[in-house]
C-alpha atoms as a PDB file:
ATOM      1  CA  MET A   1     -23.670 -20.051   7.280  1.00  0.00           C
ATOM      2  CA  SER A   2     -21.624 -20.633   4.143  1.00  0.00           C
ATOM      3  CA  GLU A   3     -20.515 -17.009   4.098  1.00  0.00           C
ATOM      4  CA  GLY A   4     -18.955 -17.223   7.586  1.00  0.00           C
ATOM      5  CA  PHE A   5     -15.177 -17.263   7.766  1.00  0.00           C
ATOM      6  CA  GLY A   6     -13.070 -17.926  10.823  1.00  0.00           C
ATOM      7  CA  LEU A   7      -9.761 -19.010  12.163  1.00  0.00           C
ATOM      8  CA  VAL A   8      -8.122 -20.435  15.226  1.00  0.00           C
ATOM      9  CA  VAL A   9      -4.590 -19.314  16.007  1.00  0.00           C
ATOM     10  CA  ARG A  10      -2.393 -20.929  18.648  1.00  0.00           C
ATOM     11  CA  PHE A  11       0.470 -18.754  19.876  1.00  0.00           C
ATOM     12  CA  THR A  12       3.208 -20.112  22.124  1.00  0.00           C
ATOM     13  CA  MET A  13       5.119 -17.463  24.089  1.00  0.00           C
ATOM     14  CA  ARG A  14       8.862 -17.442  24.759  1.00  0.00           C
ATOM     15  CA  ASP A  15       8.441 -16.915  28.513  1.00  0.00           C
ATOM     16  CA  GLU A  16       6.205 -15.322  31.166  1.00  0.00           C
ATOM     17  CA  GLN A  17       7.473 -11.795  30.480  1.00  0.00           C
ATOM     18  CA  ALA A  18       6.734 -12.235  26.786  1.00  0.00           C
ATOM     19  CA  ALA A  19       3.239 -13.524  27.647  1.00  0.00           C
ATOM     20  CA  ARG A  20       2.484 -10.395  29.692  1.00  0.00           C
ATOM     21  CA  ALA A  21       3.708  -8.099  26.914  1.00  0.00           C
ATOM     22  CA  PHE A  22       1.754 -10.088  24.309  1.00  0.00           C
ATOM     23  CA  ASP A  23      -1.414  -9.772  26.407  1.00  0.00           C
ATOM     24  CA  ALA A  24      -0.946  -5.985  26.560  1.00  0.00           C
ATOM     25  CA  LEU A  25      -0.476  -5.876  22.778  1.00  0.00           C
ATOM     26  CA  CYS A  26      -3.666  -7.924  22.360  1.00  0.00           C
ATOM     27  CA  ALA A  27      -5.637  -5.559  24.613  1.00  0.00           C
ATOM     28  CA  SER A  28      -4.640  -2.492  22.606  1.00  0.00           C
ATOM     29  CA  THR A  29      -5.399  -4.300  19.343  1.00  0.00           C
ATOM     30  CA  LEU A  30      -8.824  -5.318  20.627  1.00  0.00           C
ATOM     31  CA  ASP A  31      -9.708  -1.663  21.227  1.00  0.00           C
ATOM     32  CA  GLY A  32      -9.247  -1.001  17.509  1.00  0.00           C
ATOM     33  CA  ILE A  33     -11.191  -4.106  16.531  1.00  0.00           C
ATOM     34  CA  LYS A  34     -14.150  -3.103  18.701  1.00  0.00           C
ATOM     35  CA  ALA A  35     -14.128   0.465  17.401  1.00  0.00           C
ATOM     36  CA  SER A  36     -13.780  -0.071  13.668  1.00  0.00           C
ATOM     37  CA  GLU A  37     -14.586  -3.610  12.527  1.00  0.00           C
ATOM     38  CA  PRO A  38     -18.321  -4.291  12.187  1.00  0.00           C
ATOM     39  CA  GLY A  39     -17.597  -7.416  10.118  1.00  0.00           C
ATOM     40  CA  THR A  40     -15.587  -8.989  12.938  1.00  0.00           C
ATOM     41  CA  LEU A  41     -18.273 -10.985  14.735  1.00  0.00           C
ATOM     42  CA  THR A  42     -16.106 -12.699  17.353  1.00  0.00           C
ATOM     43  CA  TYR A  43     -12.506 -12.097  18.397  1.00  0.00           C
ATOM     44  CA  VAL A  44     -11.579 -13.833  21.632  1.00  0.00           C
ATOM     45  CA  THR A  45      -8.237 -14.688  23.218  1.00  0.00           C
ATOM     46  CA  HIS A  46      -8.074 -17.777  25.429  1.00  0.00           C
ATOM     47  CA  VAL A  47      -5.477 -19.287  27.769  1.00  0.00           C
ATOM     48  CA  PRO A  48      -5.798 -23.082  27.702  1.00  0.00           C
ATOM     49  CA  ASP A  49      -5.972 -24.793  31.106  1.00  0.00           C
ATOM     50  CA  GLY A  50      -2.502 -25.773  32.254  1.00  0.00           C
ATOM     51  CA  GLU A  51      -0.721 -23.916  29.433  1.00  0.00           C
ATOM     52  CA  PRO A  52       0.175 -20.455  30.787  1.00  0.00           C
ATOM     53  CA  LEU A  53       2.476 -19.652  27.860  1.00  0.00           C
ATOM     54  CA  VAL A  54      -0.142 -20.410  25.203  1.00  0.00           C
ATOM     55  CA  ARG A  55      -2.795 -18.096  23.787  1.00  0.00           C
ATOM     56  CA  VAL A  56      -5.526 -19.350  21.472  1.00  0.00           C
ATOM     57  CA  PHE A  57      -7.441 -16.857  19.360  1.00  0.00           C
ATOM     58  CA  TYR A  58     -10.870 -17.642  17.984  1.00  0.00           C
ATOM     59  CA  GLU A  59     -11.894 -15.234  15.256  1.00  0.00           C
ATOM     60  CA  LEU A  60     -15.163 -15.220  13.311  1.00  0.00           C
ATOM     61  CA  TYR A  61     -15.874 -12.824  10.469  1.00  0.00           C
ATOM     62  CA  ALA A  62     -19.037 -12.144   8.486  1.00  0.00           C
ATOM     63  CA  ASP A  63     -17.181 -13.260   5.347  1.00  0.00           C
ATOM     64  CA  ARG A  64     -13.728 -13.339   3.768  1.00  0.00           C
ATOM     65  CA  ALA A  65     -14.009  -9.639   2.851  1.00  0.00           C
ATOM     66  CA  ALA A  66     -14.484  -8.771   6.550  1.00  0.00           C
ATOM     67  CA  PHE A  67     -11.336 -10.754   7.389  1.00  0.00           C
ATOM     68  CA  ASP A  68      -9.438  -8.935   4.640  1.00  0.00           C
ATOM     69  CA  ALA A  69     -10.686  -5.609   6.055  1.00  0.00           C
ATOM     70  CA  HIS A  70      -9.466  -6.697   9.517  1.00  0.00           C
ATOM     71  CA  GLU A  71      -6.017  -7.511   8.122  1.00  0.00           C
ATOM     72  CA  ALA A  72      -5.819  -4.058   6.470  1.00  0.00           C
ATOM     73  CA  GLN A  73      -6.497  -2.100   9.682  1.00  0.00           C
ATOM     74  CA  PRO A  74      -3.617  -0.100  11.223  1.00  0.00           C
ATOM     75  CA  HIS A  75      -4.113  -1.760  14.624  1.00  0.00           C
ATOM     76  CA  THR A  76      -3.896  -5.219  13.048  1.00  0.00           C
ATOM     77  CA  LYS A  77      -0.793  -4.326  11.053  1.00  0.00           C
ATOM     78  CA  HIS A  78       0.798  -3.041  14.266  1.00  0.00           C
ATOM     79  CA  PHE A  79      -0.088  -6.295  16.067  1.00  0.00           C
ATOM     80  CA  LEU A  80       1.365  -8.417  13.264  1.00  0.00           C
ATOM     81  CA  ALA A  81       4.604  -6.402  13.250  1.00  0.00           C
ATOM     82  CA  GLU A  82       5.067  -6.481  17.036  1.00  0.00           C
ATOM     83  CA  ARG A  83       3.972 -10.000  17.976  1.00  0.00           C
ATOM     84  CA  GLU A  84       7.003 -11.891  16.655  1.00  0.00           C
ATOM     85  CA  GLN A  85       9.300 -10.676  19.436  1.00  0.00           C
ATOM     86  CA  TYR A  86       7.168 -12.521  22.013  1.00  0.00           C
ATOM     87  CA  LEU A  87       6.603 -15.801  20.197  1.00  0.00           C
ATOM     88  CA  ALA A  88       8.239 -19.210  20.240  1.00  0.00           C
ATOM     89  CA  GLY A  89       5.698 -20.539  17.741  1.00  0.00           C
ATOM     90  CA  VAL A  90       2.389 -20.007  15.946  1.00  0.00           C
ATOM     91  CA  GLU A  91      -0.143 -22.328  14.292  1.00  0.00           C
ATOM     92  CA  VAL A  92      -3.027 -21.012  12.156  1.00  0.00           C
ATOM     93  CA  THR A  93      -6.106 -22.978  11.106  1.00  0.00           C
ATOM     94  CA  PHE A  94      -8.551 -21.299   8.704  1.00  0.00           C
ATOM     95  CA  LEU A  95     -12.205 -22.325   9.029  1.00  0.00           C
ATOM     96  CA  ASP A  96     -15.136 -22.142   6.612  1.00  0.00           C
ATOM     97  CA  ALA A  97     -18.430 -22.217   8.507  1.00  0.00           C
ATOM     98  CA  ILE A  98     -20.967 -24.773   7.309  1.00  0.00           C
ATOM     99  CA  ALA A  99     -23.474 -24.679  10.183  1.00  0.00           C
ATOM    100  CA  GLY A 100     -23.959 -23.071  13.562  1.00  0.00           C
ATOM    101  CA  LYS A 101     -25.446 -20.244  15.579  1.00  0.00           C
ATOM    102  CA  VAL A 102     -23.980 -16.746  15.648  1.00  0.00           C
ATOM    103  CA  ALA A 103     -25.274 -14.016  17.922  1.00  0.00           C
ATOM    104  CA  VAL A 104     -26.180 -10.829  16.083  1.00  0.00           C
ATOM    105  CA  GLN A 105     -25.193  -7.576  17.781  1.00  0.00           C
ATOM    106  CA  GLN A 106     -27.843  -4.881  17.897  1.00  0.00           C
END
């Protein structure tokens, strides 16, 4: 697992309208991720219980190069440019995998 690379990102939205717009931005970004990022193993957006203005992303990549490829994609660059207008805050935690189980897509 030492080659796995991931991150958890916690986004706090400004308000409910911002949360809806952010969710739409995420959906369009996910289309690009699914279509053109084989090294992105997991990319999931969560809403924590009782925190309707928070979104938590869990992202797992085959390795750091796959993450770098994700960051270079046009859909990701668009997401990064647009997201700020909806946010009150963001926290990023980078993760290096040391053990675990990852499903392999076939």
